[in-house]
Amino acid sequence: MNNIPTTYPPSRKSRKAASLSQVYFSNAVYFPNHRIYNGDTPGSMNYNCISTVYYCFANVATDGGVFLSDEYADVRSPCDGVSGGLGSLMHLKQKHPHLQVILSVGGPHSSQIFATVAASAVLRDNFARSCKDLVDASGLDGIDIVWQWPMGALQGANFVALLAAIRMYLPEEHYLLTAALPAAQVVLSAIDVQRAAEYLDLLNLMAFDMYGAWSSRSGHHAQLYPATHKEDESFSGSFAVSCLLSQGFPAKKILFGIPCFGRHFPGVTSTGQSFSRPSGDGTVDYLQLPRKGSKEIVDRRACAAFCVGSSGSSNSSGFITYDNPETVKAKAAFVKQKGLGGLFYWTGPADAKDGKRSLIASGFKALHSSG
């Protein structure tokens, strides 16, 4: 892999200007702090092909204050020769001038607290001031809002009001403000995304989890297009992009999400089938795929990879759907065709360690190739 191309500008301000004018494509990675306990560290990732790291998650208090969710992992644990995951990333920023580090706030259990904070002008102001204090104290580039999820018109309006409050304290000349939203029409249509774009630098479109353990039938969880002509087209990444664009959200501010994990449907061999419930949440880190003893196949209509069968227990057999280098290359081509801002990956530590299998490296190479 070659070094970061010279189109990555060196300073925060010029990086921001460049991202908005499509001089380069972002290739961003989420790093969850709990992975530090598994021996994964920010320093283990390849920054020759990463533009941005979203460090997640910070939590929100009932008074709107933002605080680190695990101070030991974040600032005290031995990590890459320094203290904490955040300390490692600040050190990496010195070694890699192009690197942006953004603190993600919220996460899977944030729905109620965000609904409460965003509904109050006082709490929104507290939240925004607390974001600024934490960003400045840590030397970060900005804040990423991961409210899972604003539901309905009122919460959609409060989501935009929260972004507006943050922007008052984190002006766009000096800070980055991003948000992650699902590829779900019910959420995207409840938000005035054109107004949200006035405050956001980027929207991370989570174009995955379309099918899973909660579904009535198996399906490709990160498909770019419907797998069959009978399938609801809203269960696809391309439809979610169209939904955003039709509502006036700028294409260049959209990062298209790539999952570094698969979803497991035990007891079946394809999409559209009733399945046995998987153990746990049914997710499998990409670095463990394809399963030993299984065959990897690409559904080119849907733009999704999968493997079927494996040796071992029934819990590891069945249909597992995910992305591989071929599908990521196709999604990068889609990003370039639509004029989107780039790709992001959930999560960096779950990616393959082999460069030829790495989704992050494959995406970077495809985004910056002339083909």
Protein backbone atom coordinates (compact mmCIF):
# COMPACT_ATOMS: atom_id res chain seq x y z
CA MET A 1 0.00 0.00 0.00
CA ASN A 2 1.34 3.40 -0.97
CA ASN A 3 1.48 6.26 1.49
CA ILE A 4 -1.41 8.67 1.89
CA PRO A 5 -1.64 10.66 -1.36
CA THR A 6 -0.59 14.28 -1.31
CA THR A 7 -4.22 15.28 -1.84
CA TYR A 8 -4.67 14.81 1.91
CA PRO A 9 -4.06 18.37 3.15
CA PRO A 10 -1.95 18.85 6.27
CA SER A 11 -4.01 21.08 8.54
CA ARG A 12 -7.47 20.77 10.08
CA LYS A 13 -8.78 23.84 8.29
CA SER A 14 -7.46 22.80 4.88
CA ARG A 15 -8.61 19.20 5.47
CA LYS A 16 -12.12 20.52 6.07
CA ALA A 17 -12.05 22.67 2.95
CA ALA A 18 -10.73 19.78 0.93
CA SER A 19 -13.41 17.39 2.17
CA LEU A 20 -16.15 19.78 1.15
CA SER A 21 -14.72 20.28 -2.33
CA GLN A 22 -14.16 16.54 -2.94
CA VAL A 23 -10.39 16.85 -3.33
CA TYR A 24 -10.10 13.53 -1.52
CA PHE A 25 -12.29 10.70 -0.28
CA SER A 26 -12.53 10.02 3.42
CA ASN A 27 -11.72 6.50 4.57
CA ALA A 28 -12.84 6.59 8.21
CA VAL A 29 -12.77 3.95 10.94
CA TYR A 30 -14.64 3.55 14.22
CA PHE A 31 -12.55 2.34 17.16
CA PRO A 32 -14.58 1.17 20.20
CA ASN A 33 -12.75 1.66 23.50
CA HIS A 34 -13.80 -1.76 24.83
CA ARG A 35 -11.61 -3.44 22.19
CA ILE A 36 -8.56 -2.33 24.20
CA TYR A 37 -9.38 -5.11 26.68
CA ASN A 38 -9.06 -7.60 23.79
CA GLY A 39 -5.53 -6.42 23.08
CA ASP A 40 -6.57 -4.25 20.14
CA THR A 41 -5.06 -0.75 20.08
CA PRO A 42 -5.29 2.26 17.76
CA GLY A 43 -1.62 1.78 16.88
CA SER A 44 -2.35 -1.62 15.30
CA MET A 45 -4.29 -0.03 12.42
CA ASN A 46 -2.79 0.99 9.08
CA TYR A 47 -2.79 4.77 8.85
CA ASN A 48 -1.53 4.68 5.28
CA CYS A 49 -5.17 4.11 4.36
CA ILE A 50 -7.14 5.76 7.20
CA SER A 51 -8.12 9.43 7.12
CA THR A 52 -10.23 9.60 10.29
CA VAL A 53 -10.71 7.65 13.50
CA TYR A 54 -13.99 7.88 15.41
CA TYR A 55 -13.19 6.97 19.01
CA CYS A 56 -16.32 5.60 20.66
CA PHE A 57 -18.23 6.00 22.81
CA ALA A 58 -18.49 8.87 25.26
CA ASN A 59 -21.62 8.94 27.40
CA VAL A 60 -24.24 11.59 28.14
CA ALA A 61 -25.41 12.52 31.66
CA THR A 62 -28.95 13.54 32.58
CA ASP A 63 -27.85 17.18 32.84
CA GLY A 64 -26.48 17.05 29.28
CA GLY A 65 -22.85 16.71 30.31
CA VAL A 66 -20.61 14.53 28.14
CA PHE A 67 -18.08 12.27 29.86
CA LEU A 68 -15.70 9.45 28.97
CA SER A 69 -17.40 6.07 29.33
CA ASP A 70 -14.28 4.20 30.49
CA GLU A 71 -11.54 6.43 31.88
CA TYR A 72 -9.17 3.52 32.40
CA ALA A 73 -9.33 2.39 28.77
CA ASP A 74 -9.49 5.94 27.45
CA VAL A 75 -6.71 7.67 29.37
CA ARG A 76 -4.94 5.32 31.82
CA SER A 77 -4.44 1.84 30.36
CA PRO A 78 -1.02 1.00 28.82
CA CYS A 79 -1.65 1.42 25.09
CA ASP A 80 0.92 1.67 22.27
CA GLY A 81 3.57 2.87 24.72
CA VAL A 82 1.44 5.70 26.11
CA SER A 83 -1.59 5.99 28.40
CA GLY A 84 -5.05 5.16 27.10
CA GLY A 85 -6.70 4.83 23.72
CA LEU A 86 -7.12 8.58 23.41
CA GLY A 87 -3.48 9.09 24.36
CA SER A 88 -2.47 6.66 21.63
CA LEU A 89 -4.52 8.51 19.03
CA MET A 90 -3.08 11.88 20.04
CA HIS A 91 0.39 10.37 19.63
CA LEU A 92 -0.59 8.95 16.24
CA LYS A 93 -1.83 12.37 15.13
CA GLN A 94 1.70 13.69 15.62
CA LYS A 95 3.11 10.90 13.45
CA HIS A 96 0.39 11.17 10.78
CA PRO A 97 -0.46 14.85 10.13
CA HIS A 98 -3.39 13.93 7.88
CA LEU A 99 -5.19 12.02 10.66
CA GLN A 100 -8.45 13.36 12.11
CA VAL A 101 -9.60 12.06 15.50
CA ILE A 102 -13.25 12.59 16.42
CA LEU A 103 -15.00 11.60 19.64
CA SER A 104 -18.24 9.67 19.11
CA VAL A 105 -20.93 10.38 21.69
CA GLY A 106 -23.88 8.07 22.35
CA GLY A 107 -24.09 4.58 20.90
CA PRO A 108 -26.48 1.65 21.18
CA HIS A 109 -28.08 2.62 24.52
CA SER A 110 -28.37 6.36 23.89
CA SER A 111 -31.92 6.66 22.61
CA GLN A 112 -33.65 7.83 25.80
CA ILE A 113 -30.93 10.14 27.11
CA PHE A 114 -30.58 11.91 23.77
CA ALA A 115 -34.35 12.25 23.49
CA THR A 116 -34.38 13.95 26.92
CA VAL A 117 -31.37 16.21 26.37
CA ALA A 118 -32.31 17.26 22.85
CA ALA A 119 -35.84 18.25 23.96
CA SER A 120 -34.54 20.97 26.32
CA ALA A 121 -32.82 24.19 25.24
CA VAL A 122 -30.95 24.30 28.58
CA LEU A 123 -29.75 20.71 28.32
CA ARG A 124 -28.77 21.17 24.68
CA ASP A 125 -26.63 24.12 25.71
CA ASN A 126 -25.05 22.10 28.54
CA PHE A 127 -24.34 19.28 26.11
CA ALA A 128 -22.74 21.57 23.55
CA ARG A 129 -20.54 23.34 26.14
CA SER A 130 -19.47 19.99 27.55
CA CYS A 131 -18.57 18.75 24.06
CA LYS A 132 -16.33 21.75 23.53
CA ASP A 133 -14.63 21.31 26.89
CA LEU A 134 -13.92 17.64 26.23
CA VAL A 135 -12.70 18.22 22.66
CA ASP A 136 -10.38 21.04 23.69
CA ALA A 137 -9.02 19.18 26.71
CA SER A 138 -8.24 16.10 24.61
CA GLY A 139 -6.89 17.80 21.49
CA LEU A 140 -9.59 16.24 19.31
CA ASP A 141 -10.82 17.48 15.95
CA GLY A 142 -14.53 17.33 16.69
CA ILE A 143 -17.63 15.44 17.79
CA ASP A 144 -19.69 12.64 16.23
CA ILE A 145 -23.31 12.23 17.36
CA VAL A 146 -24.57 8.63 17.46
CA TRP A 147 -28.16 8.92 18.69
CA GLN A 148 -29.70 5.48 18.09
CA TRP A 149 -32.19 6.67 16.82
CA PRO A 150 -34.31 9.85 16.57
CA MET A 151 -37.84 8.59 15.94
CA GLY A 152 -40.73 10.71 14.73
CA ALA A 153 -41.02 14.33 13.69
CA LEU A 154 -40.50 15.80 17.17
CA GLN A 155 -37.28 13.92 17.87
CA GLY A 156 -36.16 14.62 14.32
CA ALA A 157 -36.58 18.35 14.92
CA ASN A 158 -34.82 18.10 18.29
CA PHE A 159 -31.92 16.27 16.61
CA VAL A 160 -31.41 19.24 14.29
CA ALA A 161 -31.74 21.66 17.23
CA LEU A 162 -29.02 19.71 19.06
CA LEU A 163 -26.71 20.00 16.06
CA ALA A 164 -27.36 23.74 15.92
CA ALA A 165 -26.48 24.12 19.61
CA ILE A 166 -23.23 22.19 19.15
CA ARG A 167 -22.25 24.38 16.22
CA MET A 168 -22.53 27.49 18.40
CA TYR A 169 -19.70 26.14 20.56
CA LEU A 170 -17.81 24.22 17.87
CA PRO A 171 -17.65 26.64 14.91
CA GLU A 172 -17.05 25.03 11.55
CA GLU A 173 -13.84 27.02 10.98
CA HIS A 174 -12.10 25.06 13.74
CA TYR A 175 -14.05 21.89 14.54
CA LEU A 176 -15.67 18.97 12.75
CA LEU A 177 -19.23 17.89 13.52
CA THR A 178 -20.54 14.59 12.18
CA ALA A 179 -23.41 12.23 12.93
CA ALA A 180 -24.22 8.58 12.24
CA LEU A 181 -27.69 7.56 11.08
CA PRO A 182 -29.10 4.22 9.91
CA ALA A 183 -30.03 3.38 6.34
CA ALA A 184 -33.67 3.31 7.41
CA GLN A 185 -36.33 5.42 5.69
CA VAL A 186 -38.38 5.70 8.89
CA VAL A 187 -35.49 7.54 10.57
CA LEU A 188 -34.15 9.54 7.64
CA SER A 189 -37.59 10.82 6.62
CA ALA A 190 -38.28 12.07 10.17
CA ILE A 191 -35.31 14.47 10.04
CA ASP A 192 -35.01 17.66 8.01
CA VAL A 193 -31.70 16.49 6.61
CA GLN A 194 -31.30 19.59 4.45
CA ARG A 195 -31.25 21.71 7.62
CA ALA A 196 -29.04 19.17 9.38
CA ALA A 197 -26.54 19.55 6.53
CA GLU A 198 -26.14 23.24 7.44
CA TYR A 199 -24.47 22.11 10.68
CA LEU A 200 -22.86 18.78 9.72
CA ASP A 201 -19.55 18.27 7.97
CA LEU A 202 -20.38 14.62 7.32
CA LEU A 203 -23.19 12.12 7.81
CA ASN A 204 -22.07 8.53 8.37
CA LEU A 205 -24.76 6.40 6.72
CA MET A 206 -24.87 3.03 8.47
CA ALA A 207 -25.65 0.97 5.38
CA PHE A 208 -25.82 -2.32 7.27
CA ASP A 209 -28.01 -4.18 9.80
CA MET A 210 -30.85 -4.36 7.30
CA TYR A 211 -31.42 -7.97 8.36
CA GLY A 212 -30.42 -9.72 11.57
CA ALA A 213 -31.54 -11.87 14.49
CA TRP A 214 -34.68 -9.69 14.81
CA SER A 215 -35.83 -10.39 11.22
CA SER A 216 -38.49 -12.89 10.19
CA ARG A 217 -36.31 -14.19 7.33
CA SER A 218 -32.64 -14.24 6.41
CA GLY A 219 -31.20 -11.52 4.20
CA HIS A 220 -28.01 -9.72 3.24
CA HIS A 221 -27.47 -7.27 6.07
CA ALA A 222 -25.36 -4.79 4.07
CA GLN A 223 -26.61 -5.18 0.54
CA LEU A 224 -26.15 -2.27 -1.85
CA TYR A 225 -29.16 -3.34 -3.94
CA PRO A 226 -32.15 -5.65 -3.29
CA ALA A 227 -31.22 -9.32 -3.72
CA THR A 228 -34.36 -10.05 -5.77
CA HIS A 229 -36.85 -8.00 -7.74
CA LYS A 230 -39.53 -8.94 -5.18
CA GLU A 231 -37.64 -7.58 -2.20
CA ASP A 232 -38.53 -4.22 -0.66
CA GLU A 233 -36.05 -1.79 -2.22
CA SER A 234 -35.83 0.20 1.00
CA PHE A 235 -33.71 -2.65 2.42
CA SER A 236 -30.64 -1.48 0.52
CA GLY A 237 -27.83 1.02 0.85
CA SER A 238 -28.54 2.55 -2.56
CA PHE A 239 -32.13 3.36 -1.55
CA ALA A 240 -30.96 5.11 1.64
CA VAL A 241 -28.55 7.25 -0.39
CA SER A 242 -31.35 8.14 -2.79
CA CYS A 243 -33.56 9.03 0.17
CA LEU A 244 -30.96 11.47 1.51
CA LEU A 245 -30.24 13.01 -1.89
CA SER A 246 -33.95 13.44 -2.67
CA GLN A 247 -34.35 15.38 0.60
CA GLY A 248 -31.57 17.77 -0.38
CA PHE A 249 -28.66 16.39 1.63
CA PRO A 250 -25.37 17.10 -0.22
CA ALA A 251 -23.80 13.95 -1.70
CA LYS A 252 -20.28 15.08 -0.80
CA LYS A 253 -21.21 15.05 2.91
CA ILE A 254 -22.26 11.38 2.95
CA LEU A 255 -19.89 8.62 4.05
CA PHE A 256 -21.16 5.17 3.09
CA GLY A 257 -20.86 2.58 5.84
CA ILE A 258 -19.06 -0.76 5.52
CA PRO A 259 -19.51 -3.38 8.28
CA CYS A 260 -16.39 -5.24 9.41
CA PHE A 261 -18.69 -7.95 10.71
CA GLY A 262 -21.10 -10.52 9.37
CA ARG A 263 -24.56 -11.52 10.52
CA HIS A 264 -25.28 -15.19 11.12
CA PHE A 265 -28.51 -16.99 10.17
CA PRO A 266 -28.26 -20.58 11.48
CA GLY A 267 -29.89 -23.49 9.68
CA VAL A 268 -30.36 -21.83 6.28
CA THR A 269 -28.37 -21.56 3.06
CA SER A 270 -29.54 -18.33 1.45
CA THR A 271 -31.69 -15.24 1.76
CA GLY A 272 -35.45 -15.23 2.27
CA GLN A 273 -35.56 -18.28 4.56
CA SER A 274 -36.86 -18.85 8.09
CA PHE A 275 -33.90 -19.44 10.38
CA SER A 276 -32.99 -20.68 13.83
CA ARG A 277 -32.11 -17.96 16.32
CA PRO A 278 -28.35 -17.40 16.56
CA SER A 279 -26.45 -17.39 19.82
CA GLY A 280 -25.78 -13.91 21.18
CA ASP A 281 -26.51 -11.11 18.76
CA GLY A 282 -25.55 -13.17 15.72
CA THR A 283 -22.55 -11.07 14.71
CA VAL A 284 -19.19 -12.43 13.61
CA ASP A 285 -16.04 -10.30 13.24
CA TYR A 286 -14.95 -10.08 9.61
CA LEU A 287 -11.46 -11.27 10.52
CA GLN A 288 -13.05 -14.68 11.31
CA LEU A 289 -14.72 -14.93 7.88
CA PRO A 290 -15.26 -16.96 5.83
CA ARG A 291 -15.75 -19.74 8.37
CA LYS A 292 -13.29 -22.58 8.16
CA GLY A 293 -14.81 -25.32 6.02
CA SER A 294 -17.21 -22.94 4.24
CA LYS A 295 -17.14 -21.45 0.77
CA GLU A 296 -17.22 -17.68 0.19
CA ILE A 297 -19.64 -16.53 -2.51
CA VAL A 298 -20.48 -13.07 -3.84
CA ASP A 299 -24.06 -12.16 -4.75
CA ARG A 300 -23.26 -9.61 -7.45
CA ARG A 301 -26.86 -8.52 -7.86
CA ALA A 302 -27.08 -7.46 -4.21
CA CYS A 303 -23.37 -6.60 -3.90
CA ALA A 304 -22.96 -8.79 -0.83
CA ALA A 305 -20.65 -11.62 0.16
CA PHE A 306 -21.69 -14.69 2.14
CA CYS A 307 -20.51 -18.09 3.23
CA VAL A 308 -22.56 -21.22 3.84
CA GLY A 309 -21.78 -24.20 6.04
CA SER A 310 -18.75 -24.88 8.19
CA SER A 311 -17.13 -27.56 10.23
CA GLY A 312 -17.90 -27.53 13.92
CA SER A 313 -21.01 -26.89 15.98
CA SER A 314 -24.43 -25.90 14.70
CA ASN A 315 -23.86 -22.44 16.15
CA SER A 316 -21.16 -21.81 13.52
CA SER A 317 -22.95 -23.38 10.54
CA GLY A 318 -25.54 -21.78 8.30
CA PHE A 319 -25.65 -18.58 6.25
CA ILE A 320 -23.38 -15.65 7.16
CA THR A 321 -23.67 -12.42 5.20
CA TYR A 322 -20.94 -9.75 5.11
CA ASP A 323 -18.71 -7.60 2.89
CA ASN A 324 -15.46 -8.76 1.33
CA PRO A 325 -12.82 -6.93 -0.79
CA GLU A 326 -14.83 -7.47 -3.98
CA THR A 327 -18.04 -5.95 -2.60
CA VAL A 328 -16.15 -3.08 -0.95
CA LYS A 329 -14.55 -2.28 -4.30
CA ALA A 330 -18.01 -2.18 -5.89
CA LYS A 331 -19.33 0.05 -3.11
CA ALA A 332 -16.37 2.39 -3.54
CA ALA A 333 -17.27 2.63 -7.23
CA PHE A 334 -20.84 3.49 -6.18
CA VAL A 335 -19.49 6.21 -3.86
CA LYS A 336 -17.48 7.74 -6.72
CA GLN A 337 -20.39 7.46 -9.17
CA LYS A 338 -22.77 9.25 -6.76
CA GLY A 339 -20.20 11.87 -5.70
CA LEU A 340 -20.30 10.82 -2.05
CA GLY A 341 -17.63 11.79 0.46
CA GLY A 342 -16.11 8.35 0.98
CA LEU A 343 -16.43 5.27 3.17
CA PHE A 344 -16.38 4.45 6.86
CA TYR A 345 -15.97 1.11 8.64
CA TRP A 346 -17.50 -0.36 11.78
CA THR A 347 -15.08 -1.32 13.31
CA GLY A 348 -11.34 -1.10 12.64
CA PRO A 349 -10.21 -3.85 15.07
CA ALA A 350 -12.59 -6.37 13.44
CA ASP A 351 -11.00 -5.98 10.00
CA ALA A 352 -8.73 -8.68 8.57
CA LYS A 353 -5.06 -8.36 9.47
CA ASP A 354 -4.03 -9.67 6.04
CA GLY A 355 -3.71 -6.66 3.73
CA LYS A 356 -5.19 -8.57 0.78
CA ARG A 357 -8.34 -9.33 2.78
CA SER A 358 -8.55 -5.99 4.59
CA LEU A 359 -11.77 -4.11 3.87
CA ILE A 360 -10.24 -0.80 4.97
CA ALA A 361 -7.25 -1.20 2.64
CA SER A 362 -9.49 -2.41 -0.22
CA GLY A 363 -11.79 0.57 0.16
CA PHE A 364 -8.93 3.08 0.27
CA LYS A 365 -7.30 1.59 -2.80
CA ALA A 366 -10.59 1.57 -4.75
CA LEU A 367 -11.51 5.13 -3.76
CA HIS A 368 -8.15 6.48 -4.90
CA SER A 369 -7.70 4.40 -8.04
CA SER A 370 -8.33 5.86 -11.47
CA GLY A 371 -10.43 2.90 -12.52
